[in-house]
Amino acid sequence: MKLLRESLLNAPVIMKGSYPYFIHPLTDGIPQIDPAVLKDAVNEIIKVIDIDSFDKILTIEAMGLPLGVALSMELTKPMTVVRKRPYGLPGEVEVEQHTGYSTGKMYINSISSDDKLLLVDDVLSTGGTMIAVVEGLHRIGAKISDIVVVVNKNRNIGEIERKIGHKIKAIVNIEIVNKKVRVLD
């Protein structure tokens, strides 16, 4: 986890209005994604999950994709993606996302009530995306075995867990102080 932690400490912070937004390869794809940092994150995810408890990986567009693909290849389990545009496929579920800096619709496809899922995403900030996706999965009736985020920026993670009815496993907890990323653990 050394590479992941070091890369976070060096991440620049910009302001989106009054919202401090850190820029990191695994959360933004900028600068380029270092495969060693991605591998570091994936290895840490594998340590905190029960591999036999799920049959499919679900990740969220856009920056959940590198994590989901790497996990899918490492664990040889299928992956699907919550997308930001509709496809109109049978069973598609629309969810409304509200974050600290945007709102929008997202679309869940290829998930059924028979699925046992590992939900993985790059970062938890306001929780708006996670809440929307989990509510959609509850409507479908899919079982969520684990939820993992690589970076947790939310000090009130317990409040989000209560809203969604699931524990969220964070690989690294951070805060932003004076426009700098500070790793908390």
C-alpha atoms as a PDB file:
ATOM      1  CA  MET A   1       0.000   0.000   0.000  1.00  0.00           C
ATOM      2  CA  LYS A   2       3.070   2.190   0.120  1.00  0.00           C
ATOM      3  CA  LEU A   3       2.784   3.303  -3.526  1.00  0.00           C
ATOM      4  CA  LEU A   4      -0.904   4.137  -3.191  1.00  0.00           C
ATOM      5  CA  ARG A   5      -0.340   6.192  -0.033  1.00  0.00           C
ATOM      6  CA  GLU A   6       2.608   8.095  -1.523  1.00  0.00           C
ATOM      7  CA  SER A   7       0.700   8.862  -4.706  1.00  0.00           C
ATOM      8  CA  LEU A   8      -2.200  10.277  -2.686  1.00  0.00           C
ATOM      9  CA  LEU A   9       0.088  12.510  -0.651  1.00  0.00           C
ATOM     10  CA  ASN A  10       1.377  13.998  -3.912  1.00  0.00           C
ATOM     11  CA  ALA A  11      -2.077  14.535  -5.456  1.00  0.00           C
ATOM     12  CA  PRO A  12      -2.903  18.143  -6.348  1.00  0.00           C
ATOM     13  CA  VAL A  13      -6.121  19.697  -5.006  1.00  0.00           C
ATOM     14  CA  ILE A  14      -8.337  22.089  -6.967  1.00  0.00           C
ATOM     15  CA  MET A  15     -11.502  23.860  -5.892  1.00  0.00           C
ATOM     16  CA  LYS A  16     -14.797  23.195  -7.702  1.00  0.00           C
ATOM     17  CA  GLY A  17     -16.690  26.122  -6.221  1.00  0.00           C
ATOM     18  CA  SER A  18     -16.296  25.547  -2.486  1.00  0.00           C
ATOM     19  CA  TYR A  19     -15.681  21.810  -2.934  1.00  0.00           C
ATOM     20  CA  PRO A  20     -12.025  20.648  -2.567  1.00  0.00           C
ATOM     21  CA  TYR A  21     -11.345  18.073  -5.303  1.00  0.00           C
ATOM     22  CA  PHE A  22      -8.151  16.023  -5.310  1.00  0.00           C
ATOM     23  CA  ILE A  23      -6.739  14.819  -8.630  1.00  0.00           C
ATOM     24  CA  HIS A  24      -5.241  11.341  -8.706  1.00  0.00           C
ATOM     25  CA  PRO A  25      -4.585   8.737 -11.411  1.00  0.00           C
ATOM     26  CA  LEU A  26      -6.962   6.170  -9.862  1.00  0.00           C
ATOM     27  CA  THR A  27      -9.761   8.690  -9.323  1.00  0.00           C
ATOM     28  CA  ASP A  28      -9.349  10.835 -12.439  1.00  0.00           C
ATOM     29  CA  GLY A  29      -6.956   9.096 -14.823  1.00  0.00           C
ATOM     30  CA  ILE A  30      -4.736  12.180 -14.602  1.00  0.00           C
ATOM     31  CA  PRO A  31      -1.829  12.028 -14.738  1.00  0.00           C
ATOM     32  CA  GLN A  32      -1.444   8.603 -16.330  1.00  0.00           C
ATOM     33  CA  ILE A  33      -2.298   5.531 -14.291  1.00  0.00           C
ATOM     34  CA  ASP A  34       0.825   3.838 -12.969  1.00  0.00           C
ATOM     35  CA  PRO A  35       0.218   0.067 -13.184  1.00  0.00           C
ATOM     36  CA  ALA A  36       2.170  -0.437  -9.946  1.00  0.00           C
ATOM     37  CA  VAL A  37      -0.208   1.891  -8.053  1.00  0.00           C
ATOM     38  CA  LEU A  38      -3.232   0.158  -9.624  1.00  0.00           C
ATOM     39  CA  LYS A  39      -1.817  -3.247  -8.653  1.00  0.00           C
ATOM     40  CA  ASP A  40      -1.182  -1.939  -5.127  1.00  0.00           C
ATOM     41  CA  ALA A  41      -4.836  -0.871  -4.834  1.00  0.00           C
ATOM     42  CA  VAL A  42      -6.145  -4.166  -6.259  1.00  0.00           C
ATOM     43  CA  ASN A  43      -3.975  -6.208  -3.871  1.00  0.00           C
ATOM     44  CA  GLU A  44      -5.379  -4.229  -0.942  1.00  0.00           C
ATOM     45  CA  ILE A  45      -8.963  -4.763  -2.141  1.00  0.00           C
ATOM     46  CA  ILE A  46      -8.373  -8.514  -2.381  1.00  0.00           C
ATOM     47  CA  LYS A  47      -7.176  -8.533   1.250  1.00  0.00           C
ATOM     48  CA  VAL A  48     -10.482  -7.121   2.573  1.00  0.00           C
ATOM     49  CA  ILE A  49     -13.035  -9.130   0.565  1.00  0.00           C
ATOM     50  CA  ASP A  50     -14.382 -12.669   0.732  1.00  0.00           C
ATOM     51  CA  ILE A  51     -13.720 -13.857  -2.820  1.00  0.00           C
ATOM     52  CA  ASP A  52     -16.193 -16.743  -2.546  1.00  0.00           C
ATOM     53  CA  SER A  53     -19.094 -14.505  -1.433  1.00  0.00           C
ATOM     54  CA  PHE A  54     -19.794 -12.915  -4.841  1.00  0.00           C
ATOM     55  CA  ASP A  55     -20.149 -14.003  -8.439  1.00  0.00           C
ATOM     56  CA  LYS A  56     -19.944 -10.650 -10.225  1.00  0.00           C
ATOM     57  CA  ILE A  57     -18.064  -7.365  -9.866  1.00  0.00           C
ATOM     58  CA  LEU A  58     -20.006  -4.132 -10.299  1.00  0.00           C
ATOM     59  CA  THR A  59     -18.187  -0.851 -10.715  1.00  0.00           C
ATOM     60  CA  ILE A  60     -19.158   2.703 -11.568  1.00  0.00           C
ATOM     61  CA  GLU A  61     -18.238   4.717 -14.659  1.00  0.00           C
ATOM     62  CA  ALA A  62     -15.757   6.189 -15.226  1.00  0.00           C
ATOM     63  CA  MET A  63     -12.882   5.671 -12.798  1.00  0.00           C
ATOM     64  CA  GLY A  64     -14.204   2.461 -11.299  1.00  0.00           C
ATOM     65  CA  LEU A  65     -13.349   0.876 -14.655  1.00  0.00           C
ATOM     66  CA  PRO A  66      -9.587   0.379 -14.175  1.00  0.00           C
ATOM     67  CA  LEU A  67     -10.210  -1.159 -10.745  1.00  0.00           C
ATOM     68  CA  GLY A  68     -13.046  -3.361 -11.959  1.00  0.00           C
ATOM     69  CA  VAL A  69     -11.132  -4.631 -14.978  1.00  0.00           C
ATOM     70  CA  ALA A  70      -8.013  -5.382 -12.925  1.00  0.00           C
ATOM     71  CA  LEU A  71     -10.071  -7.205 -10.273  1.00  0.00           C
ATOM     72  CA  SER A  72     -12.040  -9.117 -12.910  1.00  0.00           C
ATOM     73  CA  MET A  73      -8.844 -10.316 -14.541  1.00  0.00           C
ATOM     74  CA  GLU A  74      -7.147 -11.159 -11.238  1.00  0.00           C
ATOM     75  CA  LEU A  75     -10.159 -13.014  -9.795  1.00  0.00           C
ATOM     76  CA  THR A  76     -11.539 -14.348 -13.121  1.00  0.00           C
ATOM     77  CA  LYS A  77     -15.007 -13.060 -12.276  1.00  0.00           C
ATOM     78  CA  PRO A  78     -17.285 -11.154 -14.669  1.00  0.00           C
ATOM     79  CA  MET A  79     -17.721  -7.406 -14.334  1.00  0.00           C
ATOM     80  CA  THR A  80     -20.392  -4.931 -15.309  1.00  0.00           C
ATOM     81  CA  VAL A  81     -20.474  -1.146 -15.169  1.00  0.00           C
ATOM     82  CA  VAL A  82     -23.020   1.387 -13.922  1.00  0.00           C
ATOM     83  CA  ARG A  83     -23.129   3.791 -16.859  1.00  0.00           C
ATOM     84  CA  LYS A  84     -23.911   7.485 -17.239  1.00  0.00           C
ATOM     85  CA  ARG A  85     -26.120   6.993 -20.298  1.00  0.00           C
ATOM     86  CA  PRO A  86     -29.133   4.782 -20.983  1.00  0.00           C
ATOM     87  CA  TYR A  87     -29.131   1.863 -23.361  1.00  0.00           C
ATOM     88  CA  GLY A  88     -32.789   0.919 -23.060  1.00  0.00           C
ATOM     89  CA  LEU A  89     -32.009  -2.747 -22.464  1.00  0.00           C
ATOM     90  CA  PRO A  90     -34.584  -4.949 -20.708  1.00  0.00           C
ATOM     91  CA  GLY A  91     -34.214  -4.621 -16.940  1.00  0.00           C
ATOM     92  CA  GLU A  92     -32.252  -1.354 -17.080  1.00  0.00           C
ATOM     93  CA  VAL A  93     -32.625   0.570 -13.800  1.00  0.00           C
ATOM     94  CA  GLU A  94     -32.226   4.356 -13.699  1.00  0.00           C
ATOM     95  CA  VAL A  95     -30.850   6.007 -10.559  1.00  0.00           C
ATOM     96  CA  GLU A  96     -30.418   9.687  -9.702  1.00  0.00           C
ATOM     97  CA  GLN A  97     -27.022  10.708  -8.340  1.00  0.00           C
ATOM     98  CA  HIS A  98     -26.359  13.847  -6.264  1.00  0.00           C
ATOM     99  CA  THR A  99     -22.736  14.608  -5.406  1.00  0.00           C
ATOM    100  CA  GLY A 100     -20.923  17.591  -3.943  1.00  0.00           C
ATOM    101  CA  TYR A 101     -20.358  19.031  -7.404  1.00  0.00           C
ATOM    102  CA  SER A 102     -22.930  17.494  -9.800  1.00  0.00           C
ATOM    103  CA  THR A 103     -26.226  15.706 -10.290  1.00  0.00           C
ATOM    104  CA  GLY A 104     -27.194  13.261 -12.976  1.00  0.00           C
ATOM    105  CA  LYS A 105     -28.749   9.972 -13.914  1.00  0.00           C
ATOM    106  CA  MET A 106     -26.940   6.641 -13.993  1.00  0.00           C
ATOM    107  CA  TYR A 107     -28.061   3.310 -15.422  1.00  0.00           C
ATOM    108  CA  ILE A 108     -27.645  -0.210 -14.093  1.00  0.00           C
ATOM    109  CA  ASN A 109     -27.741  -3.073 -16.614  1.00  0.00           C
ATOM    110  CA  SER A 110     -26.929  -6.794 -16.542  1.00  0.00           C
ATOM    111  CA  ILE A 111     -27.804  -7.219 -12.850  1.00  0.00           C
ATOM    112  CA  SER A 112     -30.567  -9.505 -11.592  1.00  0.00           C
ATOM    113  CA  SER A 113     -31.964 -10.612  -8.252  1.00  0.00           C
ATOM    114  CA  ASP A 114     -29.852 -13.787  -8.545  1.00  0.00           C
ATOM    115  CA  ASP A 115     -26.564 -11.866  -8.533  1.00  0.00           C
ATOM    116  CA  LYS A 116     -24.179 -11.690  -5.577  1.00  0.00           C
ATOM    117  CA  LEU A 117     -22.067  -8.583  -6.077  1.00  0.00           C
ATOM    118  CA  LEU A 118     -18.806  -7.000  -5.119  1.00  0.00           C
ATOM    119  CA  LEU A 119     -19.422  -3.259  -5.557  1.00  0.00           C
ATOM    120  CA  VAL A 120     -16.121  -1.446  -6.046  1.00  0.00           C
ATOM    121  CA  ASP A 121     -15.443   2.222  -6.721  1.00  0.00           C
ATOM    122  CA  ASP A 122     -12.494   4.576  -6.749  1.00  0.00           C
ATOM    123  CA  VAL A 123     -13.538   7.183  -4.188  1.00  0.00           C
ATOM    124  CA  LEU A 124     -16.244   7.966  -1.645  1.00  0.00           C
ATOM    125  CA  SER A 125     -16.675  11.715  -1.207  1.00  0.00           C
ATOM    126  CA  THR A 126     -20.229  12.870  -0.550  1.00  0.00           C
ATOM    127  CA  GLY A 127     -21.719   9.384  -0.884  1.00  0.00           C
ATOM    128  CA  GLY A 128     -24.253  10.525  -3.474  1.00  0.00           C
ATOM    129  CA  THR A 129     -23.179   8.071  -6.148  1.00  0.00           C
ATOM    130  CA  MET A 130     -22.904   5.138  -3.738  1.00  0.00           C
ATOM    131  CA  ILE A 131     -26.332   5.828  -2.220  1.00  0.00           C
ATOM    132  CA  ALA A 132     -27.968   6.019  -5.661  1.00  0.00           C
ATOM    133  CA  VAL A 133     -26.340   2.811  -6.924  1.00  0.00           C
ATOM    134  CA  VAL A 134     -27.118   0.797  -3.787  1.00  0.00           C
ATOM    135  CA  GLU A 135     -30.752   1.976  -3.819  1.00  0.00           C
ATOM    136  CA  GLY A 136     -30.962   0.794  -7.440  1.00  0.00           C
ATOM    137  CA  LEU A 137     -29.475  -2.594  -6.522  1.00  0.00           C
ATOM    138  CA  HIS A 138     -31.984  -2.927  -3.689  1.00  0.00           C
ATOM    139  CA  ARG A 139     -34.813  -2.274  -6.183  1.00  0.00           C
ATOM    140  CA  ILE A 140     -33.415  -5.039  -8.387  1.00  0.00           C
ATOM    141  CA  GLY A 141     -33.069  -7.380  -5.398  1.00  0.00           C
ATOM    142  CA  ALA A 142     -29.393  -8.203  -6.008  1.00  0.00           C
ATOM    143  CA  LYS A 143     -27.318  -9.272  -3.009  1.00  0.00           C
ATOM    144  CA  ILE A 144     -24.382  -7.009  -2.172  1.00  0.00           C
ATOM    145  CA  SER A 145     -21.635  -9.112  -0.598  1.00  0.00           C
ATOM    146  CA  ASP A 146     -19.074  -6.328  -0.171  1.00  0.00           C
ATOM    147  CA  ILE A 147     -18.656  -2.644  -0.949  1.00  0.00           C
ATOM    148  CA  VAL A 148     -15.086  -1.400  -1.309  1.00  0.00           C
ATOM    149  CA  VAL A 149     -13.760   2.052  -2.156  1.00  0.00           C
ATOM    150  CA  VAL A 150     -10.072   2.688  -2.662  1.00  0.00           C
ATOM    151  CA  VAL A 151     -10.167   6.208  -1.211  1.00  0.00           C
ATOM    152  CA  ASN A 152     -12.582   7.434   1.444  1.00  0.00           C
ATOM    153  CA  LYS A 153     -12.778  11.204   1.714  1.00  0.00           C
ATOM    154  CA  ASN A 154     -15.988  11.223   3.770  1.00  0.00           C
ATOM    155  CA  ARG A 155     -15.713  11.758   7.538  1.00  0.00           C
ATOM    156  CA  ASN A 156     -19.343  10.620   7.962  1.00  0.00           C
ATOM    157  CA  ILE A 157     -18.971   7.194   6.362  1.00  0.00           C
ATOM    158  CA  GLY A 158     -21.111   5.707   9.152  1.00  0.00           C
ATOM    159  CA  GLU A 159     -24.025   7.914   8.128  1.00  0.00           C
ATOM    160  CA  ILE A 160     -23.767   6.686   4.528  1.00  0.00           C
ATOM    161  CA  GLU A 161     -23.531   3.077   5.739  1.00  0.00           C
ATOM    162  CA  ARG A 162     -26.755   3.563   7.742  1.00  0.00           C
ATOM    163  CA  LYS A 163     -28.509   5.040   4.688  1.00  0.00           C
ATOM    164  CA  ILE A 164     -27.540   2.155   2.420  1.00  0.00           C
ATOM    165  CA  GLY A 165     -27.680  -0.657   4.998  1.00  0.00           C
ATOM    166  CA  HIS A 166     -24.171  -1.919   4.199  1.00  0.00           C
ATOM    167  CA  LYS A 167     -20.648  -1.517   5.545  1.00  0.00           C
ATOM    168  CA  ILE A 168     -18.214   0.260   3.216  1.00  0.00           C
ATOM    169  CA  LYS A 169     -14.632  -0.968   3.316  1.00  0.00           C
ATOM    170  CA  ALA A 170     -12.131   1.796   2.560  1.00  0.00           C
ATOM    171  CA  ILE A 171      -8.554   1.010   1.585  1.00  0.00           C
ATOM    172  CA  VAL A 172      -7.274   4.507   2.452  1.00  0.00           C
ATOM    173  CA  ASN A 173      -8.956   7.310   4.410  1.00  0.00           C
ATOM    174  CA  ILE A 174      -7.969  10.850   3.549  1.00  0.00           C
ATOM    175  CA  GLU A 175      -8.880  14.420   4.314  1.00  0.00           C
ATOM    176  CA  ILE A 176      -7.996  17.637   2.574  1.00  0.00           C
ATOM    177  CA  VAL A 177      -6.383  20.293   4.758  1.00  0.00           C
ATOM    178  CA  ASN A 178      -5.105  23.578   3.341  1.00  0.00           C
ATOM    179  CA  LYS A 179      -5.458  22.250  -0.224  1.00  0.00           C
ATOM    180  CA  LYS A 180      -3.267  19.216   0.565  1.00  0.00           C
ATOM    181  CA  VAL A 181      -4.205  15.533   0.817  1.00  0.00           C
ATOM    182  CA  ARG A 182      -3.571  14.053   4.236  1.00  0.00           C
ATOM    183  CA  VAL A 183      -3.664  10.248   4.652  1.00  0.00           C
ATOM    184  CA  LEU A 184      -5.385   9.358   7.929  1.00  0.00           C
ATOM    185  CA  ASP A 185      -4.352   5.745   8.379  1.00  0.00           C
END
